[in-house]
C-alpha atoms as a PDB file:
ATOM      1  CA  MET A   1     -13.255 -22.436  29.782  1.00  0.00           C
ATOM      2  CA  THR A   2     -12.706 -18.712  30.091  1.00  0.00           C
ATOM      3  CA  ASN A   3     -14.551 -16.218  32.228  1.00  0.00           C
ATOM      4  CA  LEU A   4     -18.283 -16.531  31.688  1.00  0.00           C
ATOM      5  CA  ASN A   5     -18.569 -12.761  32.064  1.00  0.00           C
ATOM      6  CA  GLN A   6     -16.917 -12.541  28.655  1.00  0.00           C
ATOM      7  CA  SER A   7     -19.294 -14.998  26.995  1.00  0.00           C
ATOM      8  CA  LEU A   8     -21.364 -14.178  23.943  1.00  0.00           C
ATOM      9  CA  SER A   9     -25.098 -13.815  24.393  1.00  0.00           C
ATOM     10  CA  GLU A  10     -27.558 -16.461  23.231  1.00  0.00           C
ATOM     11  CA  THR A  11     -28.701 -14.027  20.526  1.00  0.00           C
ATOM     12  CA  GLU A  12     -25.147 -13.561  19.256  1.00  0.00           C
ATOM     13  CA  LEU A  13     -24.502 -17.299  19.243  1.00  0.00           C
ATOM     14  CA  ALA A  14     -27.760 -17.952  17.384  1.00  0.00           C
ATOM     15  CA  SER A  15     -26.865 -15.241  14.843  1.00  0.00           C
ATOM     16  CA  PHE A  16     -23.503 -16.853  14.123  1.00  0.00           C
ATOM     17  CA  LYS A  17     -25.017 -20.316  13.785  1.00  0.00           C
ATOM     18  CA  ARG A  18     -27.743 -19.058  11.416  1.00  0.00           C
ATOM     19  CA  ASP A  19     -25.815 -16.493   9.364  1.00  0.00           C
ATOM     20  CA  GLY A  20     -22.203 -17.652   9.610  1.00  0.00           C
ATOM     21  CA  PHE A  21     -21.039 -14.367  11.123  1.00  0.00           C
ATOM     22  CA  VAL A  22     -21.584 -12.026  14.030  1.00  0.00           C
ATOM     23  CA  VAL A  23     -20.328  -8.496  14.766  1.00  0.00           C
ATOM     24  CA  ILE A  24     -19.330  -7.585  18.320  1.00  0.00           C
ATOM     25  CA  LYS A  25     -19.373  -3.831  18.725  1.00  0.00           C
ATOM     26  CA  LYS A  26     -16.430  -2.037  20.346  1.00  0.00           C
ATOM     27  CA  LEU A  27     -14.673  -5.231  21.444  1.00  0.00           C
ATOM     28  CA  ALA A  28     -11.314  -3.453  21.147  1.00  0.00           C
ATOM     29  CA  SER A  29     -10.644  -0.112  22.816  1.00  0.00           C
ATOM     30  CA  THR A  30      -9.855   3.042  20.867  1.00  0.00           C
ATOM     31  CA  GLN A  31      -6.400   3.085  22.466  1.00  0.00           C
ATOM     32  CA  ILE A  32      -5.554  -0.445  21.323  1.00  0.00           C
ATOM     33  CA  CYS A  33      -6.814   0.282  17.816  1.00  0.00           C
ATOM     34  CA  ASP A  34      -4.813   3.497  17.566  1.00  0.00           C
ATOM     35  CA  GLU A  35      -1.643   1.799  18.820  1.00  0.00           C
ATOM     36  CA  MET A  36      -1.972  -1.055  16.335  1.00  0.00           C
ATOM     37  CA  CYS A  37      -2.761   1.361  13.522  1.00  0.00           C
ATOM     38  CA  ALA A  38       0.366   3.385  14.307  1.00  0.00           C
ATOM     39  CA  ILE A  39       2.506   0.241  14.079  1.00  0.00           C
ATOM     40  CA  ALA A  40       0.820  -0.751  10.813  1.00  0.00           C
ATOM     41  CA  GLN A  41       1.362   2.713   9.330  1.00  0.00           C
ATOM     42  CA  SER A  42       5.038   2.606  10.334  1.00  0.00           C
ATOM     43  CA  HIS A  43       5.577  -0.834   8.804  1.00  0.00           C
ATOM     44  CA  LEU A  44       3.649   0.180   5.700  1.00  0.00           C
ATOM     45  CA  GLY A  45       5.826   3.258   5.249  1.00  0.00           C
ATOM     46  CA  GLN A  46       8.970   1.136   5.594  1.00  0.00           C
ATOM     47  CA  HIS A  47       7.641  -1.629   3.317  1.00  0.00           C
ATOM     48  CA  LEU A  48       8.677  -3.934   6.163  1.00  0.00           C
ATOM     49  CA  ALA A  49       8.617  -7.528   4.897  1.00  0.00           C
ATOM     50  CA  PRO A  50       6.920  -9.915   4.639  1.00  0.00           C
ATOM     51  CA  ILE A  51       4.406  -8.091   2.438  1.00  0.00           C
ATOM     52  CA  GLU A  52       1.804  -9.065  -0.144  1.00  0.00           C
ATOM     53  CA  TYR A  53       1.446  -6.443  -2.873  1.00  0.00           C
ATOM     54  CA  GLU A  54      -1.675  -5.806  -4.927  1.00  0.00           C
ATOM     55  CA  VAL A  55       0.277  -6.792  -8.040  1.00  0.00           C
ATOM     56  CA  ASP A  56       0.904 -10.231  -6.506  1.00  0.00           C
ATOM     57  CA  VAL A  57      -2.772 -11.228  -6.518  1.00  0.00           C
ATOM     58  CA  GLN A  58      -3.930  -9.544  -9.748  1.00  0.00           C
ATOM     59  CA  TYR A  59      -7.464  -8.976  -8.480  1.00  0.00           C
ATOM     60  CA  PRO A  60      -9.685  -6.496 -10.382  1.00  0.00           C
ATOM     61  CA  GLY A  61      -8.253  -2.981 -10.136  1.00  0.00           C
ATOM     62  CA  ALA A  62      -4.737  -4.051  -9.148  1.00  0.00           C
ATOM     63  CA  PRO A  63      -1.689  -2.783 -11.086  1.00  0.00           C
ATOM     64  CA  LYS A  64      -0.450  -5.293 -13.668  1.00  0.00           C
ATOM     65  CA  THR A  65       3.284  -4.945 -12.965  1.00  0.00           C
ATOM     66  CA  VAL A  66       5.531  -3.536 -10.236  1.00  0.00           C
ATOM     67  CA  ASP A  67       6.962  -1.050 -12.729  1.00  0.00           C
ATOM     68  CA  GLU A  68       3.725   0.777 -13.500  1.00  0.00           C
ATOM     69  CA  GLU A  69       2.127   3.475 -11.362  1.00  0.00           C
ATOM     70  CA  GLY A  70       0.885   1.970  -8.097  1.00  0.00           C
ATOM     71  CA  GLY A  71       2.890  -1.209  -8.650  1.00  0.00           C
ATOM     72  CA  LYS A  72       4.291  -1.112  -5.106  1.00  0.00           C
ATOM     73  CA  THR A  73       0.877  -0.792  -3.429  1.00  0.00           C
ATOM     74  CA  THR A  74       0.778  -3.017  -0.352  1.00  0.00           C
ATOM     75  CA  ARG A  75      -2.262  -5.241   0.111  1.00  0.00           C
ATOM     76  CA  ARG A  76      -1.329  -7.051   3.329  1.00  0.00           C
ATOM     77  CA  LEU A  77       1.342  -6.848   6.013  1.00  0.00           C
ATOM     78  CA  LEU A  78       1.909 -10.561   6.568  1.00  0.00           C
ATOM     79  CA  HIS A  79       2.790 -12.546   9.715  1.00  0.00           C
ATOM     80  CA  ALA A  80       1.131 -10.113  12.085  1.00  0.00           C
ATOM     81  CA  TYR A  81       1.481 -12.522  15.030  1.00  0.00           C
ATOM     82  CA  SER A  82       5.278 -12.385  14.895  1.00  0.00           C
ATOM     83  CA  ARG A  83       5.418  -8.827  13.494  1.00  0.00           C
ATOM     84  CA  HIS A  84       4.720  -7.017  16.796  1.00  0.00           C
ATOM     85  CA  GLU A  85       3.627  -7.839  20.335  1.00  0.00           C
ATOM     86  CA  LEU A  86       0.530  -5.628  20.027  1.00  0.00           C
ATOM     87  CA  PHE A  87      -0.874  -7.908  17.321  1.00  0.00           C
ATOM     88  CA  ARG A  88       0.288 -10.994  19.189  1.00  0.00           C
ATOM     89  CA  ASN A  89      -1.362  -9.900  22.439  1.00  0.00           C
ATOM     90  CA  TRP A  90      -4.622  -9.011  20.701  1.00  0.00           C
ATOM     91  CA  SER A  91      -4.840 -12.277  18.775  1.00  0.00           C
ATOM     92  CA  THR A  92      -4.406 -14.411  21.905  1.00  0.00           C
ATOM     93  CA  SER A  93      -6.261 -12.182  24.380  1.00  0.00           C
ATOM     94  CA  PRO A  94      -8.694 -13.702  26.904  1.00  0.00           C
ATOM     95  CA  GLN A  95     -11.671 -11.967  25.267  1.00  0.00           C
ATOM     96  CA  ILE A  96     -10.884 -13.472  21.854  1.00  0.00           C
ATOM     97  CA  ALA A  97     -10.244 -16.900  23.388  1.00  0.00           C
ATOM     98  CA  SER A  98     -13.522 -16.714  25.313  1.00  0.00           C
ATOM     99  CA  HIS A  99     -15.619 -15.798  22.281  1.00  0.00           C
ATOM    100  CA  LEU A 100     -14.012 -18.557  20.233  1.00  0.00           C
ATOM    101  CA  ASP A 101     -14.730 -21.065  23.003  1.00  0.00           C
ATOM    102  CA  ASN A 102     -18.376 -20.018  22.716  1.00  0.00           C
ATOM    103  CA  LEU A 103     -18.517 -20.165  18.913  1.00  0.00           C
ATOM    104  CA  PHE A 104     -16.627 -23.443  18.562  1.00  0.00           C
ATOM    105  CA  MET A 105     -18.424 -24.835  21.641  1.00  0.00           C
ATOM    106  CA  SER A 106     -15.078 -26.149  22.845  1.00  0.00           C
ATOM    107  CA  GLY A 107     -11.858 -24.986  24.440  1.00  0.00           C
ATOM    108  CA  HIS A 108      -8.225 -25.591  23.470  1.00  0.00           C
ATOM    109  CA  ASN A 109      -8.599 -23.637  20.237  1.00  0.00           C
ATOM    110  CA  ARG A 110      -5.637 -22.501  18.191  1.00  0.00           C
ATOM    111  CA  LEU A 111      -4.507 -19.579  16.060  1.00  0.00           C
ATOM    112  CA  SER A 112      -3.286 -20.528  12.583  1.00  0.00           C
ATOM    113  CA  GLN A 113      -0.111 -18.730  11.569  1.00  0.00           C
ATOM    114  CA  CYS A 114      -0.626 -19.937   7.992  1.00  0.00           C
ATOM    115  CA  HIS A 115      -3.845 -18.141   7.070  1.00  0.00           C
ATOM    116  CA  HIS A 116      -4.748 -14.448   7.306  1.00  0.00           C
ATOM    117  CA  ASN A 117      -2.434 -13.579  10.221  1.00  0.00           C
ATOM    118  CA  CYS A 118      -2.100 -10.127   8.708  1.00  0.00           C
ATOM    119  CA  VAL A 119      -2.924  -6.459   8.644  1.00  0.00           C
ATOM    120  CA  MET A 120      -5.105  -5.660   5.648  1.00  0.00           C
ATOM    121  CA  THR A 121      -4.028  -2.313   4.162  1.00  0.00           C
ATOM    122  CA  LYS A 122      -6.646  -1.345   1.601  1.00  0.00           C
ATOM    123  CA  GLN A 123      -5.207   1.800   0.048  1.00  0.00           C
ATOM    124  CA  PRO A 124      -6.882   4.458  -2.093  1.00  0.00           C
ATOM    125  CA  GLY A 125      -6.127   4.571  -5.786  1.00  0.00           C
ATOM    126  CA  TYR A 126      -4.722   1.127  -6.424  1.00  0.00           C
ATOM    127  CA  SER A 127      -6.548  -1.224  -4.087  1.00  0.00           C
ATOM    128  CA  SER A 128      -8.249  -4.160  -5.763  1.00  0.00           C
ATOM    129  CA  ALA A 129     -11.710  -5.663  -5.466  1.00  0.00           C
ATOM    130  CA  THR A 130     -12.056  -9.155  -4.028  1.00  0.00           C
ATOM    131  CA  LEU A 131     -14.619 -11.355  -5.754  1.00  0.00           C
ATOM    132  CA  TRP A 132     -17.075 -13.743  -4.075  1.00  0.00           C
ATOM    133  CA  HIS A 133     -15.261 -16.615  -2.400  1.00  0.00           C
ATOM    134  CA  GLN A 134     -14.940 -18.850   0.628  1.00  0.00           C
ATOM    135  CA  ASP A 135     -11.673 -18.783   2.562  1.00  0.00           C
ATOM    136  CA  ASN A 136     -11.691 -22.575   2.728  1.00  0.00           C
ATOM    137  CA  ARG A 137     -10.836 -22.754  -0.964  1.00  0.00           C
ATOM    138  CA  TYR A 138      -7.073 -22.989  -0.350  1.00  0.00           C
ATOM    139  CA  TRP A 139      -7.041 -24.168   3.261  1.00  0.00           C
ATOM    140  CA  HIS A 140      -6.356 -27.774   4.215  1.00  0.00           C
ATOM    141  CA  PHE A 141      -7.621 -29.054   7.564  1.00  0.00           C
ATOM    142  CA  ASP A 142      -9.300 -32.242   8.738  1.00  0.00           C
ATOM    143  CA  GLU A 143     -12.567 -30.288   9.025  1.00  0.00           C
ATOM    144  CA  GLU A 144     -13.815 -27.196   7.177  1.00  0.00           C
ATOM    145  CA  ASN A 145     -14.652 -25.470  10.434  1.00  0.00           C
ATOM    146  CA  LEU A 146     -12.486 -22.420  11.052  1.00  0.00           C
ATOM    147  CA  ILE A 147     -13.341 -18.933  12.260  1.00  0.00           C
ATOM    148  CA  SER A 148     -11.708 -15.669  11.232  1.00  0.00           C
ATOM    149  CA  VAL A 149     -11.625 -12.624  13.497  1.00  0.00           C
ATOM    150  CA  TRP A 150     -11.581  -9.260  11.702  1.00  0.00           C
ATOM    151  CA  LEU A 151     -10.825  -6.148  13.772  1.00  0.00           C
ATOM    152  CA  ALA A 152     -11.559  -2.735  12.263  1.00  0.00           C
ATOM    153  CA  LEU A 153      -8.832  -0.246  13.219  1.00  0.00           C
ATOM    154  CA  GLY A 154     -10.981   2.523  11.738  1.00  0.00           C
ATOM    155  CA  ALA A 155     -14.355   2.962  10.082  1.00  0.00           C
ATOM    156  CA  GLU A 156     -15.140   0.430   7.344  1.00  0.00           C
ATOM    157  CA  THR A 157     -17.773   1.599   4.883  1.00  0.00           C
ATOM    158  CA  LYS A 158     -19.006   0.877   1.393  1.00  0.00           C
ATOM    159  CA  LYS A 159     -16.865   3.760   0.129  1.00  0.00           C
ATOM    160  CA  ASN A 160     -13.575   2.423   1.491  1.00  0.00           C
ATOM    161  CA  GLY A 161     -14.250  -1.201   0.565  1.00  0.00           C
ATOM    162  CA  CYS A 162     -15.908  -2.868   3.552  1.00  0.00           C
ATOM    163  CA  LEU A 163     -16.675  -6.563   3.447  1.00  0.00           C
ATOM    164  CA  ARG A 164     -19.912  -7.878   1.995  1.00  0.00           C
ATOM    165  CA  VAL A 165     -21.272 -11.257   3.038  1.00  0.00           C
ATOM    166  CA  ILE A 166     -24.052 -13.606   1.980  1.00  0.00           C
ATOM    167  CA  PRO A 167     -25.744 -14.735   5.210  1.00  0.00           C
ATOM    168  CA  GLY A 168     -26.196 -18.453   5.691  1.00  0.00           C
ATOM    169  CA  THR A 169     -23.905 -19.539   2.871  1.00  0.00           C
ATOM    170  CA  HIS A 170     -21.556 -21.318   5.296  1.00  0.00           C
ATOM    171  CA  GLU A 171     -24.132 -24.119   5.216  1.00  0.00           C
ATOM    172  CA  LEU A 172     -24.217 -24.458   1.414  1.00  0.00           C
ATOM    173  CA  GLU A 173     -22.529 -27.096  -0.738  1.00  0.00           C
ATOM    174  CA  LEU A 174     -22.236 -25.807  -4.312  1.00  0.00           C
ATOM    175  CA  SER A 175     -21.322 -27.800  -7.385  1.00  0.00           C
ATOM    176  CA  PRO A 176     -17.838 -27.200  -8.887  1.00  0.00           C
ATOM    177  CA  GLY A 177     -19.391 -25.729 -12.029  1.00  0.00           C
ATOM    178  CA  ARG A 178     -20.531 -22.651 -10.113  1.00  0.00           C
ATOM    179  CA  PHE A 179     -16.915 -21.556  -9.583  1.00  0.00           C
ATOM    180  CA  ASP A 180     -14.295 -20.218 -11.977  1.00  0.00           C
ATOM    181  CA  ALA A 181     -10.737 -21.551 -12.254  1.00  0.00           C
ATOM    182  CA  ASN A 182      -9.681 -19.474  -9.213  1.00  0.00           C
ATOM    183  CA  LEU A 183     -12.634 -20.727  -7.135  1.00  0.00           C
ATOM    184  CA  PHE A 184     -14.545 -17.446  -7.198  1.00  0.00           C
ATOM    185  CA  LEU A 185     -18.295 -17.580  -7.763  1.00  0.00           C
ATOM    186  CA  ARG A 186     -19.100 -17.190 -11.466  1.00  0.00           C
ATOM    187  CA  PRO A 187     -21.204 -13.999 -11.719  1.00  0.00           C
ATOM    188  CA  ASP A 188     -22.558 -14.983 -15.134  1.00  0.00           C
ATOM    189  CA  LEU A 189     -24.658 -17.879 -13.805  1.00  0.00           C
ATOM    190  CA  ALA A 190     -28.305 -17.201 -12.950  1.00  0.00           C
ATOM    191  CA  GLU A 191     -28.178 -19.265  -9.760  1.00  0.00           C
ATOM    192  CA  ASN A 192     -25.126 -17.333  -8.576  1.00  0.00           C
ATOM    193  CA  LYS A 193     -26.747 -14.001  -9.415  1.00  0.00           C
ATOM    194  CA  ALA A 194     -29.712 -14.980  -7.226  1.00  0.00           C
ATOM    195  CA  LEU A 195     -27.337 -15.899  -4.392  1.00  0.00           C
ATOM    196  CA  ILE A 196     -25.305 -12.695  -4.664  1.00  0.00           C
ATOM    197  CA  ALA A 197     -28.511 -10.650  -4.613  1.00  0.00           C
ATOM    198  CA  LYS A 198     -28.902 -11.696  -0.962  1.00  0.00           C
ATOM    199  CA  ALA A 199     -25.595 -10.091   0.034  1.00  0.00           C
ATOM    200  CA  ILE A 200     -25.345  -7.423   2.714  1.00  0.00           C
ATOM    201  CA  LYS A 201     -22.518  -5.026   3.517  1.00  0.00           C
ATOM    202  CA  VAL A 202     -20.798  -5.259   6.903  1.00  0.00           C
ATOM    203  CA  GLU A 203     -19.968  -1.694   7.876  1.00  0.00           C
ATOM    204  CA  LEU A 204     -17.834  -1.443  11.006  1.00  0.00           C
ATOM    205  CA  GLU A 205     -16.691   1.261  13.392  1.00  0.00           C
ATOM    206  CA  LYS A 206     -13.276   1.455  15.020  1.00  0.00           C
ATOM    207  CA  GLY A 207     -12.973  -1.390  17.545  1.00  0.00           C
ATOM    208  CA  ASP A 208     -15.771  -3.513  16.080  1.00  0.00           C
ATOM    209  CA  VAL A 209     -14.928  -7.167  15.465  1.00  0.00           C
ATOM    210  CA  LEU A 210     -16.426  -9.452  12.850  1.00  0.00           C
ATOM    211  CA  PHE A 211     -16.315 -13.192  13.578  1.00  0.00           C
ATOM    212  CA  PHE A 212     -17.054 -15.210  10.437  1.00  0.00           C
ATOM    213  CA  HIS A 213     -17.026 -18.845   9.374  1.00  0.00           C
ATOM    214  CA  SER A 214     -14.464 -19.984   6.829  1.00  0.00           C
ATOM    215  CA  LYS A 215     -17.206 -21.267   4.497  1.00  0.00           C
ATOM    216  CA  LEU A 216     -19.118 -17.965   4.460  1.00  0.00           C
ATOM    217  CA  PHE A 217     -19.132 -16.355   1.017  1.00  0.00           C
ATOM    218  CA  HIS A 218     -17.744 -12.835   1.171  1.00  0.00           C
ATOM    219  CA  ALA A 219     -16.317 -10.142  -1.097  1.00  0.00           C
ATOM    220  CA  ALA A 220     -15.066  -6.566  -0.894  1.00  0.00           C
ATOM    221  CA  GLY A 221     -14.952  -3.543  -3.171  1.00  0.00           C
ATOM    222  CA  ARG A 222     -12.110  -1.139  -3.878  1.00  0.00           C
ATOM    223  CA  ASN A 223     -11.192   1.736  -1.584  1.00  0.00           C
ATOM    224  CA  LEU A 224     -12.673   4.842  -3.186  1.00  0.00           C
ATOM    225  CA  SER A 225     -11.903   7.121  -0.239  1.00  0.00           C
ATOM    226  CA  ASP A 226      -8.783   9.218   0.328  1.00  0.00           C
ATOM    227  CA  ASP A 227      -7.442   7.194   3.275  1.00  0.00           C
ATOM    228  CA  THR A 228      -5.993   3.732   3.807  1.00  0.00           C
ATOM    229  CA  LYS A 229      -8.299   1.272   5.561  1.00  0.00           C
ATOM    230  CA  PHE A 230      -6.548  -0.905   8.158  1.00  0.00           C
ATOM    231  CA  SER A 231      -7.939  -4.194   9.490  1.00  0.00           C
ATOM    232  CA  VAL A 232      -6.257  -6.873  11.620  1.00  0.00           C
ATOM    233  CA  VAL A 233      -7.295 -10.418  10.698  1.00  0.00           C
ATOM    234  CA  PHE A 234      -6.529 -13.768  12.317  1.00  0.00           C
ATOM    235  CA  THR A 235      -7.927 -17.263  11.749  1.00  0.00           C
ATOM    236  CA  TYR A 236      -8.530 -19.985  14.332  1.00  0.00           C
ATOM    237  CA  HIS A 237      -9.294 -23.694  14.447  1.00  0.00           C
ATOM    238  CA  GLN A 238     -10.216 -26.224  17.110  1.00  0.00           C
ATOM    239  CA  GLY A 239      -7.383 -28.141  18.708  1.00  0.00           C
ATOM    240  CA  ARG A 240      -8.742 -31.409  17.343  1.00  0.00           C
ATOM    241  CA  ASN A 241      -8.982 -29.981  13.806  1.00  0.00           C
ATOM    242  CA  ASP A 242      -5.439 -30.470  12.571  1.00  0.00           C
ATOM    243  CA  PRO A 243      -3.912 -28.996   9.422  1.00  0.00           C
ATOM    244  CA  ILE A 244      -3.148 -31.648   6.814  1.00  0.00           C
ATOM    245  CA  VAL A 245       0.550 -32.493   6.883  1.00  0.00           C
ATOM    246  CA  GLY A 246       2.516 -31.265   3.889  1.00  0.00           C
ATOM    247  CA  THR A 247       0.020 -28.569   2.837  1.00  0.00           C
ATOM    248  CA  ARG A 248       0.313 -24.790   3.097  1.00  0.00           C
ATOM    249  CA  SER A 249      -1.895 -24.998   6.214  1.00  0.00           C
ATOM    250  CA  ASP A 250       0.904 -26.934   7.938  1.00  0.00           C
ATOM    251  CA  LYS A 251       3.761 -24.594   7.027  1.00  0.00           C
ATOM    252  CA  PHE A 252       3.908 -22.809  10.397  1.00  0.00           C
ATOM    253  CA  PRO A 253       2.885 -24.103  13.847  1.00  0.00           C
ATOM    254  CA  SER A 254      -0.466 -23.094  15.306  1.00  0.00           C
ATOM    255  CA  VAL A 255      -0.605 -21.253  18.626  1.00  0.00           C
ATOM    256  CA  GLU A 256      -2.772 -22.655  21.411  1.00  0.00           C
ATOM    257  CA  LEU A 257      -4.954 -20.103  23.164  1.00  0.00           C
ATOM    258  CA  ASN A 258      -4.964 -19.913  26.942  1.00  0.00           C
ATOM    259  CA  THR A 259      -8.417 -20.728  28.307  1.00  0.00           C
END
């Protein structure tokens, strides 16, 4: 196990177990955030592949084609782990490994290079809204027990499209009829409306880190500010929780964290 001085508190652990998420304030320094943001801005300006564009996902608010205004709006800079050593060092740092040891209650955890592993670049004007979903919907592992780590490189607010979550929903098992064809919650159903009414926004400051369970329902609005919002996001799984061979979760090798 990693240094106990870097362990989460009992209150933080209880919060994650109950709610499916926990925010650790100022886990990353201003310097690290600024350095990563500068790299992200450079890669964004160069359209440095691999990239996911807003038009690729067709979420609400996204341009319909690459040829229309805003059609080249970047949504995510993909493969952050191999994109630059700053992202690589952050994602495998002792403090991240330690907190994941605490949350998983085990060591020998691994970073998935197949899921998230990106810089989110929510841009003004043509950013899309993300509807209510669980990340597990397209992931394929032996167990549905993964944790994503979301680092805010700047302020994340309601105005610029911060995440919203529904506390405790990582423990729910919903019937297939409550989802649409793309596995988003159907907002027209009364039982889903009641669930969504319990949502809270997760506003973050630069350097804050959100740890959240892969079964936690979450969503995000569009960026209505004048500035791009940058977030670095990685996903992790226990060493014993293998990706299912032949699925998209098995496309790239996982990276074992040093503990």
